[in-house]
Amino acid sequence: MSTSSGTNNTIEDEKLKSQVPFPHCTRRPLPFSTSFGSEGDSNDPLEAIDVVSSKLDYNSRLINSWHEKCVEDEAILADLNIRVNKAFSQKNKYLKLSHKRKLKAEELDTVMNDEI
């Protein structure tokens, strides 16, 4: 379904940009192996090294992308933690202030009752 408004497209574009790109594997396909030991079966160490190297490269890119994502999420959590601590501090401040005012109001009430 396509929409005619440009705002929906920009929202979808932003969602796609915010996702961590998944690295693509650049491995070459392995040759078909046959049971007769013909040209497909190769014990060439250079091919084995190339396969392992491509796997390591692929895993390295995965680790790097996940590390970047974790660092971004850690920064977000640190900011949220600071905000929660500030809100909790303000709450305690206002609770103390309201308690003081309550005590002062009770004191004034007792003084007024004593005068009457």
Protein backbone atom coordinates (compact mmCIF):
# COMPACT_ATOMS: atom_id res chain seq x y z
CA MET A 1 0.00 0.00 0.00
CA SER A 2 1.42 3.37 -0.93
CA THR A 3 0.35 6.59 0.68
CA SER A 4 0.14 9.94 -1.00
CA SER A 5 1.40 11.92 2.00
CA GLY A 6 5.09 12.55 2.32
CA THR A 7 5.07 12.37 6.11
CA ASN A 8 4.45 8.64 6.22
CA ASN A 9 7.35 8.04 3.85
CA THR A 10 9.70 10.13 5.97
CA ILE A 11 8.68 8.26 9.12
CA GLU A 12 9.38 4.94 7.40
CA ASP A 13 12.71 6.30 6.12
CA GLU A 14 13.68 7.39 9.64
CA LYS A 15 12.79 3.94 11.00
CA LEU A 16 14.99 2.32 8.39
CA LYS A 17 17.87 4.71 9.12
CA SER A 18 17.62 4.11 12.88
CA GLN A 19 18.07 0.36 12.48
CA VAL A 20 21.58 -1.03 12.71
CA PRO A 21 22.68 -2.15 9.26
CA PHE A 22 23.22 -5.88 9.09
CA PRO A 23 26.56 -6.60 7.44
CA HIS A 24 26.44 -8.79 4.37
CA CYS A 25 28.67 -11.77 3.90
CA THR A 26 31.13 -11.57 1.01
CA ARG A 27 32.04 -15.25 1.00
CA ARG A 28 32.56 -17.08 -2.23
CA PRO A 29 30.55 -20.27 -2.68
CA LEU A 30 32.46 -23.47 -2.07
CA PRO A 31 32.89 -25.90 -4.96
CA PHE A 32 30.55 -28.89 -5.10
CA SER A 33 32.10 -31.94 -3.56
CA THR A 34 31.82 -35.28 -5.26
CA SER A 35 32.28 -38.72 -3.84
CA PHE A 36 34.83 -39.68 -6.53
CA GLY A 37 37.49 -37.21 -5.46
CA SER A 38 37.47 -35.34 -8.74
CA GLU A 39 38.12 -31.64 -9.28
CA GLY A 40 35.40 -30.58 -6.81
CA ASP A 41 37.21 -32.05 -3.81
CA SER A 42 40.05 -29.78 -3.02
CA ASN A 43 42.42 -30.01 -0.12
CA ASP A 44 43.95 -26.71 -1.09
CA PRO A 45 44.92 -24.92 2.13
CA LEU A 46 44.59 -21.52 0.44
CA GLU A 47 40.88 -22.10 -0.13
CA ALA A 48 40.42 -23.21 3.47
CA ILE A 49 42.27 -20.10 4.66
CA ASP A 50 40.08 -17.94 2.41
CA VAL A 51 36.90 -19.51 3.84
CA VAL A 52 38.03 -19.02 7.43
CA SER A 53 39.16 -15.49 6.66
CA SER A 54 35.77 -14.57 5.17
CA LYS A 55 33.98 -16.08 8.20
CA LEU A 56 36.18 -14.09 10.55
CA ASP A 57 35.58 -10.92 8.55
CA TYR A 58 31.82 -11.48 8.65
CA ASN A 59 31.84 -12.16 12.41
CA SER A 60 34.05 -9.13 13.00
CA ARG A 61 31.57 -6.86 11.22
CA LEU A 62 28.72 -8.36 13.25
CA ILE A 63 30.59 -7.74 16.50
CA ASN A 64 31.38 -4.16 15.50
CA SER A 65 27.76 -3.37 14.63
CA TRP A 66 26.48 -4.87 17.88
CA HIS A 67 29.14 -3.01 19.86
CA GLU A 68 28.06 0.29 18.29
CA LYS A 69 24.44 -0.48 19.10
CA CYS A 70 25.31 -1.31 22.72
CA VAL A 71 27.31 1.90 23.13
CA GLU A 72 24.37 3.95 21.81
CA ASP A 73 21.93 2.15 24.11
CA GLU A 74 24.28 2.63 27.07
CA ALA A 75 24.35 6.38 26.44
CA ILE A 76 20.55 6.46 26.31
CA LEU A 77 20.29 4.51 29.56
CA ALA A 78 22.80 6.79 31.28
CA ASP A 79 20.76 9.85 30.28
CA LEU A 80 17.56 8.22 31.53
CA ASN A 81 19.25 7.29 34.79
CA ILE A 82 20.28 10.92 35.35
CA ARG A 83 16.73 12.10 34.64
CA VAL A 84 15.22 9.55 37.04
CA ASN A 85 17.66 10.54 39.79
CA LYS A 86 16.80 14.24 39.32
CA ALA A 87 13.07 13.49 39.45
CA PHE A 88 13.51 11.38 42.59
CA SER A 89 15.53 14.17 44.21
CA GLN A 90 12.82 16.73 43.36
CA LYS A 91 10.15 14.42 44.74
CA ASN A 92 12.00 14.07 48.06
CA LYS A 93 12.52 17.83 48.21
CA TYR A 94 8.81 18.52 47.75
CA LEU A 95 7.86 15.81 50.28
CA LYS A 96 10.09 17.44 52.91
CA LEU A 97 8.66 20.86 52.09
CA SER A 98 5.08 19.61 52.33
CA HIS A 99 5.85 17.89 55.64
CA LYS A 100 7.28 21.14 57.06
CA ARG A 101 4.20 23.05 55.92
CA LYS A 102 1.93 20.42 57.45
CA LEU A 103 3.74 20.71 60.80
CA LYS A 104 3.55 24.50 60.64
CA ALA A 105 -0.19 24.36 59.88
CA GLU A 106 -0.77 21.98 62.81
CA GLU A 107 1.23 24.28 65.09
CA LEU A 108 -0.82 27.31 64.01
CA ASP A 109 -4.02 25.32 64.53
CA THR A 110 -3.03 24.39 68.10
CA VAL A 111 -2.08 28.03 68.81
CA MET A 112 -5.49 29.20 67.55
CA ASN A 113 -7.28 26.56 69.64
CA ASP A 114 -5.34 27.63 72.73
CA GLU A 115 -6.26 31.29 72.17
CA ILE A 116 -9.93 30.46 71.85
